[in-house]
Protein backbone atom coordinates (compact mmCIF):
# COMPACT_ATOMS: atom_id res chain seq x y z
CA MET A 1 24.92 -27.43 -32.46
CA HIS A 2 23.21 -28.13 -28.96
CA ARG A 3 23.70 -26.03 -26.00
CA ARG A 4 23.60 -26.58 -22.38
CA PRO A 5 20.98 -23.96 -20.67
CA ARG A 6 24.05 -22.01 -18.86
CA ARG A 7 22.86 -20.01 -16.08
CA VAL A 8 24.83 -16.13 -15.20
CA HIS A 9 24.03 -14.94 -12.36
CA SER A 10 24.78 -11.28 -11.44
CA GLY A 11 23.88 -9.03 -8.58
CA SER A 12 25.93 -8.44 -5.37
CA ASP A 13 24.29 -11.98 -3.93
CA LEU A 14 27.46 -14.27 -5.97
CA THR A 15 30.94 -13.40 -6.49
CA ASN A 16 33.36 -15.03 -8.75
CA ASN A 17 36.90 -15.76 -7.00
CA GLY A 18 35.91 -12.99 -4.52
CA ARG A 19 35.07 -10.55 -7.75
CA SER A 20 31.37 -9.49 -7.78
CA PRO A 21 30.56 -9.20 -11.46
CA CYS A 22 27.92 -6.38 -10.96
CA VAL A 23 28.25 -2.69 -10.49
CA ARG A 24 25.69 -1.42 -8.26
CA VAL A 25 24.75 2.55 -8.50
CA GLY A 26 23.50 4.63 -5.20
CA THR A 27 20.20 5.25 -6.25
CA ASP A 28 18.86 2.16 -5.03
CA GLU A 29 19.06 3.24 -1.42
CA GLU A 30 18.23 7.05 -2.03
CA THR A 31 14.55 5.62 -3.91
CA THR A 32 13.86 3.69 -1.53
CA THR A 33 15.04 6.14 1.31
CA ARG A 34 12.64 8.57 -0.72
CA MET A 35 9.48 6.70 -0.80
CA ALA A 36 9.70 5.30 2.94
CA HIS A 37 9.88 9.03 4.09
CA GLU A 38 6.50 9.76 1.91
CA SER A 39 5.10 6.89 3.44
CA ASN A 40 6.39 7.86 7.04
CA ALA A 41 5.20 11.48 6.79
CA ALA A 42 1.85 10.38 5.47
CA ILE A 43 1.23 7.70 7.98
CA TYR A 44 2.95 9.58 11.40
CA THR A 45 0.23 12.67 10.18
CA ALA A 46 -2.63 10.24 10.05
CA ALA A 47 -2.41 8.66 13.62
CA GLY A 48 -1.67 11.99 15.21
CA ALA A 49 -5.56 13.35 13.44
CA ASN A 50 -7.28 9.90 14.08
CA LEU A 51 -5.85 10.02 17.67
CA ALA A 52 -7.25 13.12 18.29
CA ILE A 53 -10.35 12.65 16.46
CA ALA A 54 -11.10 9.12 18.01
CA ALA A 55 -10.73 11.24 21.78
CA ALA A 56 -13.26 13.81 20.19
CA LYS A 57 -16.14 11.30 19.16
CA PHE A 58 -15.45 9.13 21.88
CA PHE A 59 -16.43 12.32 24.08
CA GLY A 60 -19.59 13.19 21.53
CA ALA A 61 -20.50 9.54 21.83
CA ILE A 62 -20.73 9.20 25.69
CA PHE A 63 -22.10 12.85 26.42
CA THR A 64 -25.12 12.49 23.59
CA GLY A 65 -25.12 8.71 23.02
CA SER A 66 -25.07 8.84 19.03
CA SER A 67 -24.88 5.71 17.65
CA ALA A 68 -23.27 7.06 14.17
CA MET A 69 -20.74 9.18 16.76
CA LEU A 70 -19.67 5.78 18.60
CA ALA A 71 -19.00 4.51 15.12
CA GLU A 72 -16.83 7.17 13.95
CA GLY A 73 -14.93 6.96 17.52
CA VAL A 74 -14.44 3.23 16.79
CA HIS A 75 -12.97 4.18 12.96
CA SER A 76 -10.75 6.33 13.91
CA LEU A 77 -9.35 4.01 16.60
CA VAL A 78 -9.10 1.39 14.39
CA ASP A 79 -7.45 4.15 12.06
CA THR A 80 -4.95 4.74 14.44
CA ALA A 81 -3.76 0.99 14.98
CA ASN A 82 -3.32 0.48 11.88
CA GLN A 83 -1.27 3.50 11.33
CA ILE A 84 0.92 2.06 13.94
CA LEU A 85 1.10 -1.74 12.01
CA LEU A 86 1.63 0.10 9.04
CA LEU A 87 5.21 1.70 10.36
CA VAL A 88 6.04 -1.56 11.89
CA GLY A 89 5.48 -3.24 9.14
CA LEU A 90 7.95 -0.32 7.01
CA LYS A 91 10.68 -1.24 9.87
CA ARG A 92 10.44 -4.96 10.03
CA ALA A 93 10.33 -4.95 6.07
CA LYS A 94 14.19 -3.37 6.24
CA ARG A 95 15.77 -5.94 8.34
CA ARG A 96 19.17 -6.95 6.34
CA ALA A 97 18.45 -10.66 4.17
CA ASP A 98 19.55 -13.59 6.05
CA ALA A 99 20.14 -16.86 4.87
CA ARG A 100 16.57 -17.68 5.85
CA HIS A 101 14.98 -15.38 4.11
CA PRO A 102 17.84 -14.29 1.04
CA TYR A 103 16.31 -11.70 -0.74
CA GLY A 104 15.01 -9.87 2.29
CA TYR A 105 12.03 -8.72 4.47
CA GLY A 106 10.68 -6.14 1.86
CA ARG A 107 7.23 -8.11 2.06
CA GLU A 108 6.42 -7.53 5.45
CA ILE A 109 4.89 -4.58 4.50
CA TYR A 110 2.09 -6.44 2.64
CA PHE A 111 1.64 -8.69 5.00
CA TYR A 112 1.09 -5.95 7.41
CA ALA A 113 -1.27 -3.83 5.16
CA PHE A 114 -3.33 -7.14 4.73
CA ILE A 115 -3.63 -7.43 8.22
CA VAL A 116 -4.82 -3.13 8.60
CA ALA A 117 -7.46 -4.23 5.63
CA LEU A 118 -8.80 -7.12 7.84
CA PHE A 119 -8.92 -4.59 10.87
CA ILE A 120 -10.63 -2.26 8.94
CA PHE A 121 -13.21 -4.79 7.88
CA LEU A 122 -13.71 -6.61 11.00
CA GLY A 123 -12.88 -3.62 13.82
CA GLY A 124 -14.67 -0.66 11.84
CA GLY A 125 -17.13 -1.94 8.99
CA ALA A 126 -18.86 -4.85 10.96
CA PHE A 127 -18.84 -2.65 14.54
CA ALA A 128 -20.10 0.11 12.33
CA ILE A 129 -23.40 -2.20 10.82
CA TYR A 130 -24.06 -3.92 14.02
CA GLU A 131 -24.31 -0.90 16.21
CA GLY A 132 -26.30 0.79 13.39
CA ILE A 133 -28.66 -1.93 13.73
CA HIS A 134 -29.09 -2.04 17.50
CA LYS A 135 -29.59 2.42 17.25
CA ILE A 136 -32.43 0.97 14.58
CA HIS A 137 -34.22 -1.29 16.77
CA TYR A 138 -33.78 0.95 19.76
CA PRO A 139 -33.76 4.41 19.01
CA GLU A 140 -32.99 7.03 21.12
CA ALA A 141 -32.39 10.93 20.58
CA PRO A 142 -29.23 12.49 21.49
CA ALA A 143 -28.74 13.53 25.06
CA ASP A 144 -27.92 17.04 26.03
CA ALA A 145 -24.35 17.38 27.31
CA VAL A 146 -23.22 19.19 30.83
CA ILE A 147 -19.86 21.06 30.19
CA GLY A 148 -18.89 23.53 32.86
CA GLY A 149 -21.95 23.43 34.74
CA ARG A 150 -23.85 24.62 31.04
CA THR A 151 -26.37 22.50 29.15
CA VAL A 152 -25.42 21.93 26.06
CA PRO A 153 -28.07 20.43 23.33
CA GLY A 154 -26.39 17.07 21.97
CA ILE A 155 -26.77 18.54 18.56
CA TRP A 156 -24.28 21.09 18.99
CA VAL A 157 -22.02 19.10 20.31
CA ASN A 158 -21.60 16.28 17.82
CA LEU A 159 -21.79 18.83 15.32
CA ALA A 160 -18.76 20.47 16.55
CA ILE A 161 -16.91 17.53 16.89
CA LEU A 162 -17.86 16.32 13.74
CA GLY A 163 -16.17 19.85 12.31
CA PHE A 164 -12.99 19.28 14.12
CA ALA A 165 -12.97 15.99 12.89
CA LEU A 166 -13.53 17.13 9.10
CA ALA A 167 -11.01 19.39 9.75
CA ALA A 168 -8.65 17.09 10.94
CA GLU A 169 -8.98 14.19 8.24
CA SER A 170 -8.81 16.92 5.56
CA TYR A 171 -5.45 18.04 6.49
CA SER A 172 -4.38 14.11 6.64
CA CYS A 173 -6.01 13.17 3.15
CA LEU A 174 -3.68 16.69 2.35
CA VAL A 175 -0.74 15.38 3.17
CA ALA A 176 -1.23 11.60 1.75
CA MET A 177 -2.56 13.70 -1.52
CA ARG A 178 0.57 15.49 -1.87
CA ALA A 179 2.77 11.76 -1.53
CA PHE A 180 0.66 10.04 -3.57
CA TRP A 181 0.31 13.02 -6.23
CA ALA A 182 4.53 12.36 -6.39
CA GLU A 183 4.33 9.02 -7.03
CA LYS A 184 1.55 8.58 -9.44
CA GLY A 185 2.92 10.32 -12.15
CA GLY A 186 0.84 11.45 -15.48
CA ARG A 187 -1.57 8.24 -14.44
CA SER A 188 -5.15 8.37 -13.33
CA PRO A 189 -5.63 7.74 -9.76
CA ILE A 190 -7.39 4.53 -9.84
CA THR A 191 -4.57 3.26 -11.93
CA ALA A 192 -1.94 4.36 -10.11
CA ILE A 193 -3.39 2.65 -6.57
CA ARG A 194 -4.09 -0.47 -8.79
CA ARG A 195 -0.24 -0.23 -9.99
CA SER A 196 1.09 1.14 -6.85
CA LYS A 197 3.99 -1.34 -5.08
CA ASP A 198 4.11 0.51 -1.90
CA PRO A 199 0.72 -0.43 0.26
CA ALA A 200 1.69 1.74 3.15
CA LEU A 201 1.29 5.23 1.21
CA PHE A 202 -2.20 3.93 -0.41
CA THR A 203 -3.68 2.46 2.36
CA VAL A 204 -3.30 5.76 4.07
CA LEU A 205 -5.02 7.39 1.46
CA VAL A 206 -7.97 5.28 1.22
CA GLU A 207 -8.13 5.14 4.85
CA ASP A 208 -8.55 9.12 4.67
CA VAL A 209 -10.26 9.13 1.72
CA ALA A 210 -13.30 6.58 3.42
CA ALA A 211 -13.23 8.95 6.63
CA LEU A 212 -14.03 11.82 4.76
CA LEU A 213 -17.14 10.16 3.76
CA GLY A 214 -17.81 8.89 6.50
CA LEU A 215 -17.95 12.07 8.42
CA ILE A 216 -20.09 13.20 5.78
CA VAL A 217 -22.49 10.74 6.09
CA ALA A 218 -22.70 10.82 10.15
CA PHE A 219 -23.05 14.71 9.59
CA ALA A 220 -26.05 14.13 7.57
CA GLY A 221 -27.44 11.45 9.62
CA VAL A 222 -26.54 13.53 12.92
CA VAL A 223 -28.73 16.51 11.51
CA LEU A 224 -31.69 14.49 9.64
CA ALA A 225 -32.01 12.67 13.15
CA HIS A 226 -32.54 16.07 14.67
CA VAL A 227 -34.47 17.84 12.16
CA LEU A 228 -37.20 14.85 11.22
CA ASP A 229 -37.20 13.81 15.17
CA ALA A 230 -36.26 10.45 13.97
CA PRO A 231 -33.82 9.10 15.78
CA ALA A 232 -33.46 5.54 13.96
CA LEU A 233 -31.62 7.60 11.07
CA ASP A 234 -28.65 8.06 13.20
CA GLY A 235 -28.50 4.39 13.12
CA TRP A 236 -29.01 4.29 9.45
CA ALA A 237 -25.86 6.56 9.20
CA SER A 238 -23.79 4.10 11.21
CA ILE A 239 -24.91 1.40 8.89
CA GLY A 240 -24.01 3.66 6.01
CA ILE A 241 -20.38 4.31 7.85
CA GLY A 242 -20.08 0.65 7.89
CA LEU A 243 -20.82 -0.42 4.37
CA ILE A 244 -18.32 2.52 3.04
CA LEU A 245 -15.75 0.74 5.53
CA VAL A 246 -16.47 -2.66 4.56
CA GLY A 247 -16.56 -1.18 0.53
CA MET A 248 -13.12 0.23 1.20
CA ALA A 249 -11.21 -2.72 2.83
CA ALA A 250 -12.68 -5.15 0.72
CA PHE A 251 -11.03 -2.89 -2.32
CA LEU A 252 -7.46 -3.17 -0.03
CA MET A 253 -7.90 -6.59 0.77
CA ILE A 254 -7.98 -7.53 -3.08
CA GLU A 255 -4.62 -5.07 -3.85
CA THR A 256 -2.91 -6.01 -0.86
CA HIS A 257 -3.37 -9.82 -1.37
CA GLY A 258 -1.60 -9.17 -5.21
CA LEU A 259 0.88 -7.75 -3.71
CA LEU A 260 1.81 -10.55 -1.20
CA VAL A 261 1.20 -13.44 -3.46
CA GLY A 262 3.88 -11.54 -6.06
CA GLU A 263 3.06 -9.09 -8.58
CA ALA A 264 5.27 -8.45 -11.61
CA ALA A 265 6.97 -5.13 -12.23
CA ASP A 266 4.81 -2.20 -14.35
CA PRO A 267 4.67 -3.21 -17.94
CA GLU A 268 7.02 0.18 -18.91
CA LEU A 269 9.90 -1.50 -17.23
CA VAL A 270 9.11 -4.67 -18.56
CA SER A 271 9.21 -3.66 -22.07
CA ASP A 272 12.19 -1.46 -21.08
CA ILE A 273 13.82 -4.51 -20.29
CA HIS A 274 13.22 -6.50 -23.49
CA ALA A 275 14.30 -3.27 -25.65
CA ALA A 276 17.71 -3.48 -23.63
CA MET A 277 18.09 -7.36 -24.16
CA HIS A 278 17.34 -6.99 -27.61
CA ALA A 279 19.80 -3.89 -28.52
CA GLU A 280 22.87 -6.10 -27.06
CA PRO A 281 25.12 -7.36 -29.53
CA GLY A 282 25.54 -11.08 -29.20
CA VAL A 283 21.70 -11.55 -27.98
CA CYS A 284 19.65 -13.58 -31.02
CA ALA A 285 16.63 -13.59 -28.42
CA VAL A 286 14.85 -12.78 -25.56
CA ASN A 287 13.53 -16.17 -24.11
CA ALA A 288 11.64 -14.61 -21.41
CA VAL A 289 11.74 -11.68 -18.96
CA LEU A 290 10.10 -12.50 -15.46
CA THR A 291 9.92 -9.49 -13.01
CA GLN A 292 8.76 -9.80 -9.53
CA HIS A 293 8.14 -7.12 -6.64
CA LEU A 294 10.11 -8.51 -3.14
CA GLY A 295 9.25 -4.75 -1.45
CA PRO A 296 7.94 -1.26 -2.86
CA ALA A 297 11.37 -0.51 -4.01
CA ASP A 298 12.79 -4.03 -4.54
CA ILE A 299 12.53 -5.92 -7.93
CA LEU A 300 13.64 -9.37 -8.93
CA VAL A 301 14.56 -9.93 -12.44
CA ASN A 302 14.94 -13.14 -14.18
CA VAL A 303 15.93 -13.22 -17.72
CA SER A 304 16.64 -16.08 -20.11
CA LEU A 305 18.19 -15.42 -23.46
CA ASP A 306 19.29 -17.09 -26.83
CA MET A 307 22.84 -16.22 -27.19
CA ASP A 308 25.42 -16.00 -30.11
CA ASP A 309 27.08 -19.59 -30.22
CA SER A 310 30.37 -17.86 -30.79
CA LEU A 311 30.71 -15.95 -27.79
CA ARG A 312 32.97 -17.12 -25.31
CA ALA A 313 32.69 -16.99 -21.35
CA ASP A 314 34.19 -13.91 -20.66
CA GLU A 315 32.48 -12.43 -23.43
CA ILE A 316 29.49 -13.08 -22.03
CA GLU A 317 30.33 -12.47 -18.13
CA ALA A 318 31.19 -8.74 -19.81
CA MET A 319 27.67 -8.37 -21.86
CA VAL A 320 25.72 -9.02 -18.16
CA SER A 321 28.15 -6.82 -16.15
CA ARG A 322 26.96 -4.37 -18.66
CA LEU A 323 23.18 -5.35 -18.98
CA GLU A 324 23.03 -5.24 -15.15
CA THR A 325 24.43 -1.93 -15.13
CA GLY A 326 22.92 -0.62 -17.73
CA LEU A 327 19.18 -1.55 -16.60
CA LYS A 328 20.30 -0.40 -12.49
CA GLN A 329 20.66 3.18 -13.80
CA ARG A 330 17.52 3.75 -15.36
CA HIS A 331 15.37 1.91 -12.87
CA PRO A 332 17.08 2.13 -9.64
CA THR A 333 14.01 -0.58 -7.91
CA VAL A 334 15.56 -3.31 -10.06
CA THR A 335 17.97 -4.76 -6.79
CA ARG A 336 18.34 -8.31 -8.31
CA ILE A 337 19.34 -9.63 -12.10
CA PHE A 338 19.73 -13.17 -12.71
CA ILE A 339 20.39 -14.40 -16.64
CA GLU A 340 20.12 -17.83 -18.30
CA VAL A 341 21.66 -18.41 -21.12
CA GLN A 342 19.78 -21.39 -23.38
CA SER A 343 18.52 -21.79 -26.98
CA ARG A 344 14.94 -20.67 -28.08
CA GLN A 345 14.19 -23.90 -29.09
CA GLN A 346 15.00 -25.65 -25.24
CA ALA A 347 13.13 -22.06 -23.95
CA LEU A 348 9.61 -23.18 -26.16
CA ALA A 349 10.11 -26.85 -25.58
CA MET A 350 10.23 -26.30 -21.39
CA PRO A 351 6.51 -26.08 -19.90
CA ALA A 352 4.98 -22.54 -18.81
């Protein structure tokens, strides 16, 4: 028997004669709030640490003339601005859906995370490489600093500031690592970052790791330039810092670009949706399950089902309500479900 495709919309977005066919569970908001809290805590910690570190590094760069220290100061200042941008993105992503944006503003955080990656590339990496090249061509030994009427060798000023920065960055990285570890579950760190849908959290973590690597390079450059009496090594350290930042920025741009364009939900969630649909009496075949993240904790699900021809309209509505309620109870981040009823033959005949 030939059947017209019927699209059954489920979710709080649509009603039927004033009645909503869906049953929403309260854990959606709880999950979103928990993830936002973890991201905010990591961002605020990183912003405070980077602002203090930037001030200390600029102080050292002004008094000693260290190119690596100046590059690190700019890096920390860019990181502080980036954390502010992430906070703006998180705030704007919370705006309610409206007629112009019916699916909400969850992707705002993806846009701001991409801008952050660009800032790191241009404001941090490119500047550090330029400053390093300049220092190699015009090497100068670190100048001594006069503090409180006393002359302090520039090497000790730089090392003291780098030590302070290393301690502050380590604490910031620890906070970000704890939040990230709570989210990643049993996955490896790289896999968790590649599959994470919360760019605010993994951006802060990657920034902190890059900052620690940059500090190690800066420390090595300052020490070797002093011990070997080769000021040009300070410039090479600045270039090394720049390359670290450029590599990190490229990695973040690739990850956030995928989220901005639209990524599917985790394969485990998609497989569970398939299983739930197959297990429902009256479903002859699952033609397709399409998912997309509209935000870190906001997943859109579109399903095409081949249902038993003998089912009445009210039975189909009851089935859709059961499927949606069950999926949202198991996966609170699934916020919208749209189910289309069409025969298997029609689904296979449609262009991909």
